[in-house]
Protein backbone atom coordinates (compact mmCIF):
# COMPACT_ATOMS: atom_id res chain seq x y z
CA THR A 1 181.25 64.91 105.40
CA VAL A 2 178.13 62.95 104.64
CA ARG A 3 176.98 63.22 108.25
CA ALA A 4 177.33 67.00 108.22
CA LEU A 5 175.43 67.21 104.93
CA LEU A 6 172.63 65.04 106.29
CA ALA A 7 172.49 67.05 109.51
CA ASP A 8 172.09 70.33 107.63
CA PRO A 9 171.09 69.63 104.01
CA PRO A 10 170.98 72.41 101.42
CA SER A 11 167.59 73.78 100.48
CA ARG A 12 165.64 72.26 97.61
CA ASP A 13 166.11 75.48 95.61
CA ALA A 14 169.89 75.45 96.15
CA THR A 15 170.08 71.80 95.10
CA ARG A 16 168.04 72.46 91.97
CA ALA A 17 170.12 75.52 91.04
CA TYR A 18 173.29 73.43 91.33
CA ALA A 19 171.87 70.55 89.26
CA GLU A 20 170.65 72.87 86.51
CA ARG A 21 174.26 73.80 85.75
CA PHE A 22 174.73 70.37 84.18
CA GLY A 23 173.14 68.94 81.03
CA TRP A 24 172.10 65.37 80.30
CA GLU A 25 175.06 64.79 77.98
CA GLU A 26 177.61 65.61 80.69
CA THR A 27 175.67 63.65 83.32
CA SER A 28 175.33 60.58 81.09
CA ALA A 29 179.00 60.71 80.11
CA GLY A 30 179.95 60.78 83.79
CA GLN A 31 177.77 57.77 84.53
CA PHE A 32 179.19 55.92 81.53
CA THR A 33 182.73 56.54 82.78
CA LEU A 34 181.82 55.42 86.29
CA PHE A 35 180.13 52.20 85.14
CA ASP A 36 182.96 51.36 82.74
CA THR A 37 185.50 51.86 85.54
CA VAL A 38 183.56 49.62 87.93
CA ILE A 39 183.19 46.86 85.32
CA ALA A 40 186.87 47.04 84.34
CA GLU A 41 187.95 46.88 88.01
CA ARG A 42 185.77 43.85 88.63
CA ALA A 43 187.20 42.12 85.56
CA ARG A 44 190.74 42.96 86.73
CA ARG A 45 190.06 41.45 90.16
CA GLU A 46 188.47 38.33 88.70
CA THR A 47 191.43 37.85 86.35
CA ARG A 48 193.86 38.26 89.24
CA CYS A 49 191.92 35.73 91.34
CA GLY A 50 191.48 33.32 88.45
CA LYS A 51 187.70 33.65 88.47
CA SER A 52 185.61 33.57 85.35
CA HIS A 53 181.87 34.14 85.57
CA GLY A 54 181.19 35.06 81.98
CA SER A 55 182.10 38.67 82.59
CA HIS A 56 182.53 40.68 79.44
CA GLY A 57 185.82 42.09 80.69
CA GLY A 58 184.73 45.68 81.17
CA ASN A 59 184.46 48.30 78.49
CA LEU A 60 180.88 49.25 77.81
CA LYS A 61 180.08 50.30 74.28
CA GLN A 62 178.88 53.88 74.19
CA VAL A 63 175.65 54.32 72.30
CA GLY A 64 174.57 57.62 70.89
CA ASN A 65 175.22 60.22 68.27
CA GLY A 66 178.83 59.47 67.62
């Protein structure tokens, strides 16, 4: 749980070793997916409730080498 983690956090070295297993591409792709999901869910809720605040309806456009 979060409380257990905060009560006995891993060492700085252990945290760094874990983080170094991941590259920026994978990290950025994960954030992109998370943000797109949040935006799409908000748009879905607003549509269901009949709200319209100029939302772009979800779906971020991925920018990069593709």
